[in-house]
PDB file of N, CA and C in Angstrom:
ATOM      1  N   MET A   1     -79.349  82.733  47.265  1.00  0.00           N
ATOM      2  CA  MET A   1     -78.174  81.900  46.987  1.00  0.00           C
ATOM      3  C   MET A   1     -78.657  80.465  46.609  1.00  0.00           C
ATOM      4  N   ILE A   2     -77.982  79.889  45.696  1.00  0.00           N
ATOM      5  CA  ILE A   2     -78.310  78.548  45.212  1.00  0.00           C
ATOM      6  C   ILE A   2     -77.681  77.502  46.160  1.00  0.00           C
ATOM      7  N   THR A   3     -78.522  76.608  46.609  1.00  0.00           N
ATOM      8  CA  THR A   3     -77.860  75.523  47.367  1.00  0.00           C
ATOM      9  C   THR A   3     -78.053  74.198  46.679  1.00  0.00           C
ATOM     10  N   VAL A   4     -77.163  73.387  46.858  1.00  0.00           N
ATOM     11  CA  VAL A   4     -77.244  72.045  46.202  1.00  0.00           C
ATOM     12  C   VAL A   4     -77.351  71.046  47.321  1.00  0.00           C
ATOM     13  N   GLU A   5     -78.347  70.162  47.229  1.00  0.00           N
ATOM     14  CA  GLU A   5     -78.507  69.191  48.246  1.00  0.00           C
ATOM     15  C   GLU A   5     -77.231  68.310  48.321  1.00  0.00           C
ATOM     16  N   ASN A   6     -76.879  67.908  49.500  1.00  0.00           N
ATOM     17  CA  ASN A   6     -75.670  67.093  49.579  1.00  0.00           C
ATOM     18  C   ASN A   6     -76.013  65.608  49.265  1.00  0.00           C
ATOM     19  N   LYS A   7     -76.030  65.422  48.000  1.00  0.00           N
ATOM     20  CA  LYS A   7     -76.281  63.967  47.506  1.00  0.00           C
ATOM     21  C   LYS A   7     -74.908  63.355  47.079  1.00  0.00           C
ATOM     22  N   GLN A   8     -73.800  63.941  47.747  1.00  0.00           N
ATOM     23  CA  GLN A   8     -72.539  63.468  47.375  1.00  0.00           C
ATOM     24  C   GLN A   8     -72.232  63.635  45.943  1.00  0.00           C
ATOM     25  N   PRO A   9     -72.514  64.798  45.417  1.00  0.00           N
ATOM     26  CA  PRO A   9     -72.181  64.949  43.872  1.00  0.00           C
ATOM     27  C   PRO A   9     -70.719  64.725  43.656  1.00  0.00           C
ATOM     28  N   LYS A  10     -70.368  64.013  42.678  1.00  0.00           N
ATOM     29  CA  LYS A  10     -69.011  63.677  42.514  1.00  0.00           C
ATOM     30  C   LYS A  10     -68.161  64.938  42.064  1.00  0.00           C
ATOM     31  N   ILE A  11     -67.002  65.129  42.603  1.00  0.00           N
ATOM     32  CA  ILE A  11     -66.229  66.152  42.218  1.00  0.00           C
ATOM     33  C   ILE A  11     -65.902  66.212  40.805  1.00  0.00           C
ATOM     34  N   MET A  12     -65.609  65.019  40.290  1.00  0.00           N
ATOM     35  CA  MET A  12     -65.342  64.920  38.831  1.00  0.00           C
ATOM     36  C   MET A  12     -66.530  65.374  37.964  1.00  0.00           C
ATOM     37  N   LEU A  13     -67.790  65.083  38.455  1.00  0.00           N
ATOM     38  CA  LEU A  13     -68.898  65.581  37.644  1.00  0.00           C
ATOM     39  C   LEU A  13     -69.002  67.040  37.668  1.00  0.00           C
ATOM     40  N   CYS A  14     -68.689  67.706  38.843  1.00  0.00           N
ATOM     41  CA  CYS A  14     -68.711  69.159  38.954  1.00  0.00           C
ATOM     42  C   CYS A  14     -67.633  69.773  38.027  1.00  0.00           C
ATOM     43  N   ILE A  15     -66.402  69.173  38.106  1.00  0.00           N
ATOM     44  CA  ILE A  15     -65.408  69.735  37.117  1.00  0.00           C
ATOM     45  C   ILE A  15     -65.784  69.492  35.702  1.00  0.00           C
ATOM     46  N   MET A  16     -66.286  68.350  35.372  1.00  0.00           N
ATOM     47  CA  MET A  16     -66.659  68.099  34.026  1.00  0.00           C
ATOM     48  C   MET A  16     -67.835  68.998  33.535  1.00  0.00           C
ATOM     49  N   LEU A  17     -68.815  69.215  34.383  1.00  0.00           N
ATOM     50  CA  LEU A  17     -69.913  70.026  34.088  1.00  0.00           C
ATOM     51  C   LEU A  17     -69.395  71.449  33.949  1.00  0.00           C
ATOM     52  N   ALA A  18     -68.515  71.967  34.757  1.00  0.00           N
ATOM     53  CA  ALA A  18     -68.097  73.322  34.678  1.00  0.00           C
ATOM     54  C   ALA A  18     -67.275  73.491  33.350  1.00  0.00           C
ATOM     55  N   SER A  19     -66.463  72.541  32.985  1.00  0.00           N
ATOM     56  CA  SER A  19     -65.747  72.635  31.736  1.00  0.00           C
ATOM     57  C   SER A  19     -66.621  72.509  30.545  1.00  0.00           C
ATOM     58  N   MET A  20     -67.616  71.744  30.586  1.00  0.00           N
ATOM     59  CA  MET A  20     -68.581  71.582  29.525  1.00  0.00           C
ATOM     60  C   MET A  20     -69.480  72.936  29.325  1.00  0.00           C
ATOM     61  N   LEU A  21     -69.787  73.437  30.388  1.00  0.00           N
ATOM     62  CA  LEU A  21     -70.548  74.663  30.386  1.00  0.00           C
ATOM     63  C   LEU A  21     -69.730  75.740  29.833  1.00  0.00           C
ATOM     64  N   ALA A  22     -68.448  75.816  30.236  1.00  0.00           N
ATOM     65  CA  ALA A  22     -67.522  76.935  29.779  1.00  0.00           C
ATOM     66  C   ALA A  22     -67.327  76.825  28.292  1.00  0.00           C
ATOM     67  N   MET A  23     -67.338  75.558  27.791  1.00  0.00           N
ATOM     68  CA  MET A  23     -67.035  75.346  26.347  1.00  0.00           C
ATOM     69  C   MET A  23     -68.396  75.530  25.593  1.00  0.00           C
ATOM     70  N   TYR A  24     -69.485  75.064  26.193  1.00  0.00           N
ATOM     71  CA  TYR A  24     -70.827  75.141  25.510  1.00  0.00           C
ATOM     72  C   TYR A  24     -71.347  76.475  25.340  1.00  0.00           C
ATOM     73  N   VAL A  25     -71.421  77.218  26.377  1.00  0.00           N
ATOM     74  CA  VAL A  25     -72.038  78.592  26.346  1.00  0.00           C
ATOM     75  C   VAL A  25     -71.469  79.491  25.318  1.00  0.00           C
ATOM     76  N   PRO A  26     -70.111  79.704  25.270  1.00  0.00           N
ATOM     77  CA  PRO A  26     -69.542  80.603  24.164  1.00  0.00           C
ATOM     78  C   PRO A  26     -69.765  80.121  22.704  1.00  0.00           C
ATOM     79  N   MET A  27     -69.833  78.737  22.607  1.00  0.00           N
ATOM     80  CA  MET A  27     -69.895  78.256  21.223  1.00  0.00           C
ATOM     81  C   MET A  27     -71.379  78.313  20.776  1.00  0.00           C
ATOM     82  N   SER A  28     -72.327  78.725  21.569  1.00  0.00           N
ATOM     83  CA  SER A  28     -73.713  78.724  21.150  1.00  0.00           C
ATOM     84  C   SER A  28     -73.842  79.507  19.848  1.00  0.00           C
ATOM     85  N   VAL A  29     -74.744  79.100  19.005  1.00  0.00           N
ATOM     86  CA  VAL A  29     -74.983  79.836  17.804  1.00  0.00           C
ATOM     87  C   VAL A  29     -75.518  81.164  18.016  1.00  0.00           C
ATOM     88  N   HIS A  30     -76.199  81.404  19.164  1.00  0.00           N
ATOM     89  CA  HIS A  30     -76.718  82.628  19.498  1.00  0.00           C
ATOM     90  C   HIS A  30     -76.014  83.357  20.630  1.00  0.00           C
ATOM     91  N   ALA A  31     -74.633  83.144  20.674  1.00  0.00           N
ATOM     92  CA  ALA A  31     -73.833  83.684  21.782  1.00  0.00           C
ATOM     93  C   ALA A  31     -73.883  85.138  21.753  1.00  0.00           C
ATOM     94  N   ASP A  32     -73.737  85.771  20.582  1.00  0.00           N
ATOM     95  CA  ASP A  32     -73.806  87.271  20.434  1.00  0.00           C
ATOM     96  C   ASP A  32     -75.090  87.850  20.878  1.00  0.00           C
ATOM     97  N   ALA A  33     -76.216  87.284  20.316  1.00  0.00           N
ATOM     98  CA  ALA A  33     -77.542  87.722  20.683  1.00  0.00           C
ATOM     99  C   ALA A  33     -77.805  87.585  22.135  1.00  0.00           C
ATOM    100  N   LEU A  34     -77.283  86.434  22.775  1.00  0.00           N
ATOM    101  CA  LEU A  34     -77.520  86.265  24.203  1.00  0.00           C
ATOM    102  C   LEU A  34     -76.710  87.247  24.974  1.00  0.00           C
ATOM    103  N   ASP A  35     -75.495  87.444  24.630  1.00  0.00           N
ATOM    104  CA  ASP A  35     -74.649  88.534  25.288  1.00  0.00           C
ATOM    105  C   ASP A  35     -75.204  89.869  25.240  1.00  0.00           C
ATOM    106  N   ASP A  36     -75.747  90.157  23.997  1.00  0.00           N
ATOM    107  CA  ASP A  36     -76.490  91.458  23.881  1.00  0.00           C
ATOM    108  C   ASP A  36     -77.695  91.599  24.729  1.00  0.00           C
ATOM    109  N   ALA A  37     -78.492  90.565  24.830  1.00  0.00           N
ATOM    110  CA  ALA A  37     -79.678  90.547  25.644  1.00  0.00           C
ATOM    111  C   ALA A  37     -79.269  90.675  27.129  1.00  0.00           C
ATOM    112  N   LYS A  38     -78.279  89.966  27.521  1.00  0.00           N
ATOM    113  CA  LYS A  38     -77.862  90.091  28.950  1.00  0.00           C
ATOM    114  C   LYS A  38     -77.232  91.524  29.249  1.00  0.00           C
ATOM    115  N   ASN A  39     -76.520  91.999  28.307  1.00  0.00           N
ATOM    116  CA  ASN A  39     -75.974  93.318  28.518  1.00  0.00           C
ATOM    117  C   ASN A  39     -77.086  94.427  28.636  1.00  0.00           C
ATOM    118  N   ALA A  40     -78.171  94.136  27.882  1.00  0.00           N
ATOM    119  CA  ALA A  40     -79.310  95.143  27.872  1.00  0.00           C
ATOM    120  C   ALA A  40     -80.254  94.805  29.114  1.00  0.00           C
ATOM    121  N   LEU A  41     -79.901  93.824  29.923  1.00  0.00           N
ATOM    122  CA  LEU A  41     -80.712  93.400  31.128  1.00  0.00           C
ATOM    123  C   LEU A  41     -82.126  92.905  30.642  1.00  0.00           C
ATOM    124  N   GLN A  42     -82.188  92.324  29.475  1.00  0.00           N
ATOM    125  CA  GLN A  42     -83.436  91.817  29.052  1.00  0.00           C
ATOM    126  C   GLN A  42     -83.609  90.274  29.430  1.00  0.00           C
ATOM    127  N   VAL A  43     -82.464  89.658  29.619  1.00  0.00           N
ATOM    128  CA  VAL A  43     -82.287  88.153  29.872  1.00  0.00           C
ATOM    129  C   VAL A  43     -81.417  88.022  31.051  1.00  0.00           C
ATOM    130  N   GLY A  44     -81.704  86.985  31.851  1.00  0.00           N
ATOM    131  CA  GLY A  44     -80.818  86.683  32.965  1.00  0.00           C
ATOM    132  C   GLY A  44     -80.766  85.279  33.301  1.00  0.00           C
ATOM    133  N   GLU A  45     -79.841  84.863  34.135  1.00  0.00           N
ATOM    134  CA  GLU A  45     -79.655  83.452  34.453  1.00  0.00           C
ATOM    135  C   GLU A  45     -80.642  83.191  35.665  1.00  0.00           C
ATOM    136  N   GLN A  46     -81.297  82.088  35.669  1.00  0.00           N
ATOM    137  CA  GLN A  46     -82.274  81.701  36.686  1.00  0.00           C
ATOM    138  C   GLN A  46     -81.733  80.521  37.550  1.00  0.00           C
ATOM    139  N   TRP A  47     -82.286  80.328  38.695  1.00  0.00           N
ATOM    140  CA  TRP A  47     -81.952  79.273  39.660  1.00  0.00           C
ATOM    141  C   TRP A  47     -82.030  77.820  39.132  1.00  0.00           C
ATOM    142  N   ASP A  48     -82.787  77.676  38.075  1.00  0.00           N
ATOM    143  CA  ASP A  48     -83.089  76.333  37.563  1.00  0.00           C
ATOM    144  C   ASP A  48     -82.126  75.896  36.438  1.00  0.00           C
ATOM    145  N   GLY A  49     -81.075  76.734  36.063  1.00  0.00           N
ATOM    146  CA  GLY A  49     -80.189  76.405  35.164  1.00  0.00           C
ATOM    147  C   GLY A  49     -80.470  76.855  33.713  1.00  0.00           C
ATOM    148  N   TYR A  50     -81.578  77.645  33.576  1.00  0.00           N
ATOM    149  CA  TYR A  50     -82.006  78.124  32.337  1.00  0.00           C
ATOM    150  C   TYR A  50     -81.997  79.662  32.400  1.00  0.00           C
ATOM    151  N   ILE A  51     -82.224  80.249  31.238  1.00  0.00           N
ATOM    152  CA  ILE A  51     -82.355  81.781  31.201  1.00  0.00           C
ATOM    153  C   ILE A  51     -83.804  82.102  31.105  1.00  0.00           C
ATOM    154  N   GLY A  52     -84.052  83.470  31.584  1.00  0.00           N
ATOM    155  CA  GLY A  52     -85.413  83.818  31.516  1.00  0.00           C
ATOM    156  C   GLY A  52     -85.473  85.359  31.101  1.00  0.00           C
ATOM    157  N   ALA A  53     -86.700  85.760  30.810  1.00  0.00           N
ATOM    158  CA  ALA A  53     -86.938  87.218  30.374  1.00  0.00           C
ATOM    159  C   ALA A  53     -86.998  87.915  31.820  1.00  0.00           C
ATOM    160  N   VAL A  54     -86.210  88.996  31.866  1.00  0.00           N
ATOM    161  CA  VAL A  54     -86.213  89.860  33.127  1.00  0.00           C
ATOM    162  C   VAL A  54     -87.629  90.672  33.177  1.00  0.00           C
ATOM    163  N   SER A  55     -88.122  91.050  31.993  1.00  0.00           N
ATOM    164  CA  SER A  55     -89.425  91.815  31.992  1.00  0.00           C
ATOM    165  C   SER A  55     -90.517  90.938  31.473  1.00  0.00           C
ATOM    166  N   SER A  56     -91.707  91.076  31.913  1.00  0.00           N
ATOM    167  CA  SER A  56     -92.907  90.357  31.398  1.00  0.00           C
ATOM    168  C   SER A  56     -93.204  90.911  30.040  1.00  0.00           C
ATOM    169  N   SER A  57     -92.720  91.998  29.654  1.00  0.00           N
ATOM    170  CA  SER A  57     -93.062  92.578  28.336  1.00  0.00           C
ATOM    171  C   SER A  57     -91.965  92.365  27.333  1.00  0.00           C
ATOM    172  N   ALA A  58     -91.174  91.360  27.506  1.00  0.00           N
ATOM    173  CA  ALA A  58     -90.194  90.947  26.561  1.00  0.00           C
ATOM    174  C   ALA A  58     -90.777  90.701  25.165  1.00  0.00           C
ATOM    175  N   GLY A  59     -90.074  91.185  24.185  1.00  0.00           N
ATOM    176  CA  GLY A  59     -90.448  91.067  22.772  1.00  0.00           C
ATOM    177  C   GLY A  59     -90.364  89.544  22.268  1.00  0.00           C
ATOM    178  N   ALA A  60     -90.961  89.384  21.144  1.00  0.00           N
ATOM    179  CA  ALA A  60     -91.002  87.973  20.483  1.00  0.00           C
ATOM    180  C   ALA A  60     -89.498  87.549  20.279  1.00  0.00           C
ATOM    181  N   ASP A  61     -88.670  88.461  19.778  1.00  0.00           N
ATOM    182  CA  ASP A  61     -87.366  88.080  19.516  1.00  0.00           C
ATOM    183  C   ASP A  61     -86.540  87.622  20.733  1.00  0.00           C
ATOM    184  N   ILE A  62     -86.785  88.242  21.875  1.00  0.00           N
ATOM    185  CA  ILE A  62     -86.129  87.745  23.093  1.00  0.00           C
ATOM    186  C   ILE A  62     -86.782  86.426  23.581  1.00  0.00           C
ATOM    187  N   LEU A  63     -88.043  86.364  23.481  1.00  0.00           N
ATOM    188  CA  LEU A  63     -88.733  85.092  23.923  1.00  0.00           C
ATOM    189  C   LEU A  63     -88.248  83.936  23.041  1.00  0.00           C
ATOM    190  N   ALA A  64     -88.058  84.110  21.668  1.00  0.00           N
ATOM    191  CA  ALA A  64     -87.531  83.125  20.759  1.00  0.00           C
ATOM    192  C   ALA A  64     -86.140  82.733  21.125  1.00  0.00           C
ATOM    193  N   LEU A  65     -85.274  83.679  21.455  1.00  0.00           N
ATOM    194  CA  LEU A  65     -83.940  83.534  21.886  1.00  0.00           C
ATOM    195  C   LEU A  65     -83.885  82.607  23.170  1.00  0.00           C
ATOM    196  N   ILE A  66     -84.750  82.996  24.112  1.00  0.00           N
ATOM    197  CA  ILE A  66     -84.834  82.244  25.378  1.00  0.00           C
ATOM    198  C   ILE A  66     -85.160  80.799  25.147  1.00  0.00           C
ATOM    199  N   SER A  67     -86.302  80.610  24.244  1.00  0.00           N
ATOM    200  CA  SER A  67     -86.743  79.276  24.060  1.00  0.00           C
ATOM    201  C   SER A  67     -85.541  78.385  23.304  1.00  0.00           C
ATOM    202  N   GLU A  68     -84.898  78.940  22.409  1.00  0.00           N
ATOM    203  CA  GLU A  68     -83.867  78.198  21.631  1.00  0.00           C
ATOM    204  C   GLU A  68     -82.713  77.865  22.595  1.00  0.00           C
ATOM    205  N   VAL A  69     -82.138  78.853  23.298  1.00  0.00           N
ATOM    206  CA  VAL A  69     -81.071  78.642  24.263  1.00  0.00           C
ATOM    207  C   VAL A  69     -81.405  77.628  25.278  1.00  0.00           C
ATOM    208  N   ASN A  70     -82.654  77.642  25.843  1.00  0.00           N
ATOM    209  CA  ASN A  70     -83.075  76.748  26.945  1.00  0.00           C
ATOM    210  C   ASN A  70     -83.253  75.321  26.287  1.00  0.00           C
ATOM    211  N   ALA A  71     -83.731  75.180  25.049  1.00  0.00           N
ATOM    212  CA  ALA A  71     -83.828  73.859  24.505  1.00  0.00           C
ATOM    213  C   ALA A  71     -82.445  73.176  24.335  1.00  0.00           C
ATOM    214  N   LYS A  72     -81.534  74.006  23.915  1.00  0.00           N
ATOM    215  CA  LYS A  72     -80.189  73.518  23.754  1.00  0.00           C
ATOM    216  C   LYS A  72     -79.501  73.138  25.128  1.00  0.00           C
ATOM    217  N   ARG A  73     -79.769  73.941  26.085  1.00  0.00           N
ATOM    218  CA  ARG A  73     -79.253  73.665  27.418  1.00  0.00           C
ATOM    219  C   ARG A  73     -79.903  72.361  27.946  1.00  0.00           C
ATOM    220  N   ARG A  74     -81.180  72.231  27.811  1.00  0.00           N
ATOM    221  CA  ARG A  74     -81.870  71.041  28.240  1.00  0.00           C
ATOM    222  C   ARG A  74     -81.368  69.727  27.583  1.00  0.00           C
ATOM    223  N   ALA A  75     -81.158  69.921  26.334  1.00  0.00           N
ATOM    224  CA  ALA A  75     -80.568  68.719  25.575  1.00  0.00           C
ATOM    225  C   ALA A  75     -79.202  68.361  26.098  1.00  0.00           C
ATOM    226  N   ARG A  76     -78.339  69.329  26.413  1.00  0.00           N
ATOM    227  CA  ARG A  76     -76.979  69.181  26.829  1.00  0.00           C
ATOM    228  C   ARG A  76     -77.061  68.686  28.332  1.00  0.00           C
ATOM    229  N   TYR A  77     -77.931  69.206  29.205  1.00  0.00           N
ATOM    230  CA  TYR A  77     -78.069  68.649  30.545  1.00  0.00           C
ATOM    231  C   TYR A  77     -78.489  67.245  30.514  1.00  0.00           C
ATOM    232  N   SER A  78     -79.447  66.921  29.612  1.00  0.00           N
ATOM    233  CA  SER A  78     -79.875  65.524  29.508  1.00  0.00           C
ATOM    234  C   SER A  78     -78.702  64.574  29.130  1.00  0.00           C
ATOM    235  N   GLN A  79     -77.904  64.995  28.217  1.00  0.00           N
ATOM    236  CA  GLN A  79     -76.742  64.133  27.860  1.00  0.00           C
ATOM    237  C   GLN A  79     -75.934  63.899  28.981  1.00  0.00           C
ATOM    238  N   ILE A  80     -75.584  64.974  29.736  1.00  0.00           N
ATOM    239  CA  ILE A  80     -74.768  64.824  30.936  1.00  0.00           C
ATOM    240  C   ILE A  80     -75.312  64.004  31.969  1.00  0.00           C
ATOM    241  N   ALA A  81     -76.577  64.120  32.192  1.00  0.00           N
ATOM    242  CA  ALA A  81     -77.339  63.311  33.232  1.00  0.00           C
ATOM    243  C   ALA A  81     -77.290  61.851  32.806  1.00  0.00           C
ATOM    244  N   SER A  82     -77.540  61.568  31.592  1.00  0.00           N
ATOM    245  CA  SER A  82     -77.573  60.185  31.078  1.00  0.00           C
ATOM    246  C   SER A  82     -76.084  59.555  31.193  1.00  0.00           C
ATOM    247  N   LYS A  83     -75.191  60.258  30.811  1.00  0.00           N
ATOM    248  CA  LYS A  83     -73.817  59.811  30.742  1.00  0.00           C
ATOM    249  C   LYS A  83     -73.240  59.498  32.144  1.00  0.00           C
ATOM    250  N   ASN A  84     -73.753  60.269  33.136  1.00  0.00           N
ATOM    251  CA  ASN A  84     -73.301  60.153  34.464  1.00  0.00           C
ATOM    252  C   ASN A  84     -74.269  59.442  35.471  1.00  0.00           C
ATOM    253  N   ASN A  85     -75.398  59.014  34.837  1.00  0.00           N
ATOM    254  CA  ASN A  85     -76.394  58.236  35.642  1.00  0.00           C
ATOM    255  C   ASN A  85     -76.862  59.018  36.861  1.00  0.00           C
ATOM    256  N   ILE A  86     -77.239  60.266  36.563  1.00  0.00           N
ATOM    257  CA  ILE A  86     -77.748  61.133  37.596  1.00  0.00           C
ATOM    258  C   ILE A  86     -79.056  61.757  37.033  1.00  0.00           C
ATOM    259  N   SER A  87     -79.857  62.475  37.872  1.00  0.00           N
ATOM    260  CA  SER A  87     -80.964  63.071  37.412  1.00  0.00           C
ATOM    261  C   SER A  87     -80.764  64.348  36.743  1.00  0.00           C
ATOM    262  N   LEU A  88     -81.746  64.654  35.769  1.00  0.00           N
ATOM    263  CA  LEU A  88     -81.674  65.880  35.056  1.00  0.00           C
ATOM    264  C   LEU A  88     -81.770  67.041  36.076  1.00  0.00           C
ATOM    265  N   SER A  89     -82.487  66.948  37.131  1.00  0.00           N
ATOM    266  CA  SER A  89     -82.697  68.087  38.026  1.00  0.00           C
ATOM    267  C   SER A  89     -81.353  68.392  38.785  1.00  0.00           C
ATOM    268  N   ASP A  90     -80.602  67.263  39.027  1.00  0.00           N
ATOM    269  CA  ASP A  90     -79.245  67.428  39.637  1.00  0.00           C
ATOM    270  C   ASP A  90     -78.257  68.203  38.772  1.00  0.00           C
ATOM    271  N   VAL A  91     -78.335  67.911  37.460  1.00  0.00           N
ATOM    272  CA  VAL A  91     -77.494  68.549  36.502  1.00  0.00           C
ATOM    273  C   VAL A  91     -77.951  70.078  36.365  1.00  0.00           C
ATOM    274  N   GLU A  92     -79.211  70.323  36.356  1.00  0.00           N
ATOM    275  CA  GLU A  92     -79.782  71.620  36.215  1.00  0.00           C
ATOM    276  C   GLU A  92     -79.267  72.509  37.386  1.00  0.00           C
ATOM    277  N   ILE A  93     -79.394  71.881  38.574  1.00  0.00           N
ATOM    278  CA  ILE A  93     -78.933  72.740  39.780  1.00  0.00           C
ATOM    279  C   ILE A  93     -77.515  73.018  39.766  1.00  0.00           C
ATOM    280  N   LEU A  94     -76.683  71.925  39.333  1.00  0.00           N
ATOM    281  CA  LEU A  94     -75.233  72.242  39.274  1.00  0.00           C
ATOM    282  C   LEU A  94     -74.785  73.172  38.235  1.00  0.00           C
ATOM    283  N   ALA A  95     -75.591  73.184  37.089  1.00  0.00           N
ATOM    284  CA  ALA A  95     -75.455  74.082  36.004  1.00  0.00           C
ATOM    285  C   ALA A  95     -75.713  75.512  36.492  1.00  0.00           C
ATOM    286  N   ALA A  96     -76.864  75.669  37.242  1.00  0.00           N
ATOM    287  CA  ALA A  96     -77.294  76.962  37.655  1.00  0.00           C
ATOM    288  C   ALA A  96     -76.227  77.512  38.625  1.00  0.00           C
ATOM    289  N   LYS A  97     -75.690  76.754  39.495  1.00  0.00           N
ATOM    290  CA  LYS A  97     -74.656  77.181  40.434  1.00  0.00           C
ATOM    291  C   LYS A  97     -73.481  77.703  39.702  1.00  0.00           C
ATOM    292  N   LYS A  98     -73.063  76.975  38.620  1.00  0.00           N
ATOM    293  CA  LYS A  98     -71.853  77.378  37.900  1.00  0.00           C
ATOM    294  C   LYS A  98     -72.172  78.635  37.107  1.00  0.00           C
ATOM    295  N   THR A  99     -73.357  78.785  36.468  1.00  0.00           N
ATOM    296  CA  THR A  99     -73.654  79.916  35.609  1.00  0.00           C
ATOM    297  C   THR A  99     -73.844  81.114  36.492  1.00  0.00           C
ATOM    298  N   PHE A 100     -74.245  80.941  37.708  1.00  0.00           N
ATOM    299  CA  PHE A 100     -74.394  82.083  38.715  1.00  0.00           C
ATOM    300  C   PHE A 100     -72.991  82.617  38.945  1.00  0.00           C
ATOM    301  N   GLU A 101     -72.032  81.674  39.132  1.00  0.00           N
ATOM    302  CA  GLU A 101     -70.717  81.980  39.491  1.00  0.00           C
ATOM    303  C   GLU A 101     -70.020  82.789  38.252  1.00  0.00           C
ATOM    304  N   LEU A 102     -70.361  82.290  36.992  1.00  0.00           N
ATOM    305  CA  LEU A 102     -69.740  82.883  35.777  1.00  0.00           C
ATOM    306  C   LEU A 102     -70.409  84.076  35.297  1.00  0.00           C
ATOM    307  N   THR A 103     -71.537  84.432  35.895  1.00  0.00           N
ATOM    308  CA  THR A 103     -72.266  85.584  35.423  1.00  0.00           C
ATOM    309  C   THR A 103     -71.496  86.895  35.693  1.00  0.00           C
ATOM    310  N   LYS A 104     -71.488  87.707  34.715  1.00  0.00           N
ATOM    311  CA  LYS A 104     -70.734  89.017  34.862  1.00  0.00           C
ATOM    312  C   LYS A 104     -71.468  89.875  35.883  1.00  0.00           C
ATOM    313  N   ALA A 105     -70.630  90.775  36.556  1.00  0.00           N
ATOM    314  CA  ALA A 105     -71.147  91.753  37.460  1.00  0.00           C
ATOM    315  C   ALA A 105     -72.054  92.649  36.623  1.00  0.00           C
ATOM    316  N   GLY A 106     -73.278  92.984  37.163  1.00  0.00           N
ATOM    317  CA  GLY A 106     -74.187  93.897  36.463  1.00  0.00           C
ATOM    318  C   GLY A 106     -75.208  93.181  35.727  1.00  0.00           C
ATOM    319  N   HIS A 107     -75.018  91.825  35.369  1.00  0.00           N
ATOM    320  CA  HIS A 107     -76.027  91.016  34.765  1.00  0.00           C
ATOM    321  C   HIS A 107     -77.065  90.588  35.725  1.00  0.00           C
ATOM    322  N   MET A 108     -78.224  90.096  35.267  1.00  0.00           N
ATOM    323  CA  MET A 108     -79.289  89.692  36.067  1.00  0.00           C
ATOM    324  C   MET A 108     -79.290  88.318  36.486  1.00  0.00           C
ATOM    325  N   LEU A 109     -79.759  88.010  37.787  1.00  0.00           N
ATOM    326  CA  LEU A 109     -79.826  86.702  38.315  1.00  0.00           C
ATOM    327  C   LEU A 109     -81.211  86.600  38.973  1.00  0.00           C
ATOM    328  N   LYS A 110     -81.780  85.390  38.899  1.00  0.00           N
ATOM    329  CA  LYS A 110     -83.041  85.107  39.587  1.00  0.00           C
ATOM    330  C   LYS A 110     -82.904  83.942  40.483  1.00  0.00           C
ATOM    331  N   ALA A 111     -82.876  84.111  41.790  1.00  0.00           N
ATOM    332  CA  ALA A 111     -82.818  83.000  42.748  1.00  0.00           C
ATOM    333  C   ALA A 111     -84.145  82.444  42.916  1.00  0.00           C
ATOM    334  N   GLN A 112     -84.213  81.287  43.394  1.00  0.00           N
ATOM    335  CA  GLN A 112     -85.451  80.567  43.562  1.00  0.00           C
ATOM    336  C   GLN A 112     -86.410  81.312  44.513  1.00  0.00           C
ATOM    337  N   SER A 113     -85.962  82.015  45.414  1.00  0.00           N
ATOM    338  CA  SER A 113     -86.804  82.683  46.381  1.00  0.00           C
ATOM    339  C   SER A 113     -87.384  84.038  45.900  1.00  0.00           C
ATOM    340  N   GLY A 114     -87.065  84.488  44.769  1.00  0.00           N
ATOM    341  CA  GLY A 114     -87.658  85.771  44.418  1.00  0.00           C
ATOM    342  C   GLY A 114     -87.315  86.333  43.068  1.00  0.00           C
ATOM    343  N   GLY A 115     -87.492  87.613  42.902  1.00  0.00           N
ATOM    344  CA  GLY A 115     -87.347  88.244  41.695  1.00  0.00           C
ATOM    345  C   GLY A 115     -85.953  88.555  41.224  1.00  0.00           C
ATOM    346  N   TRP A 116     -85.810  89.232  40.134  1.00  0.00           N
ATOM    347  CA  TRP A 116     -84.531  89.463  39.488  1.00  0.00           C
ATOM    348  C   TRP A 116     -83.687  90.511  40.301  1.00  0.00           C
ATOM    349  N   GLN A 117     -82.390  90.281  40.305  1.00  0.00           N
ATOM    350  CA  GLN A 117     -81.481  91.252  40.858  1.00  0.00           C
ATOM    351  C   GLN A 117     -80.211  91.256  40.119  1.00  0.00           C
ATOM    352  N   LYS A 118     -79.438  92.327  40.155  1.00  0.00           N
ATOM    353  CA  LYS A 118     -78.158  92.414  39.605  1.00  0.00           C
ATOM    354  C   LYS A 118     -77.099  91.819  40.359  1.00  0.00           C
ATOM    355  N   LYS A 119     -76.204  91.115  39.678  1.00  0.00           N
ATOM    356  CA  LYS A 119     -75.021  90.487  40.386  1.00  0.00           C
ATOM    357  C   LYS A 119     -74.091  91.576  40.853  1.00  0.00           C
TER     358      LYS A 119
END
């Protein structure tokens, strides 16, 4: 389970982040490819707010997708952090918490403490 340190994260920040993520993820250029990879259990959401390959033998196409999606997420997280004068790591953890909540049943999650598991 993801825990967020109690640094008094602003409720408005959480609401804003959740709404931004809800808008950002589906509008991704690679949303269909990402959905397909998640449905095939090749890619999952990680505790750090980014996606990762479920298998160490992921193909080049999956690794490229992961790299591109994570670069876009990092850029978006950085914008949110700068705009709200908080650390990137705080945004990453809040984003991870929200994406874990939004992940569909049957898709893969990777907690900080260990390996991949189905939600």
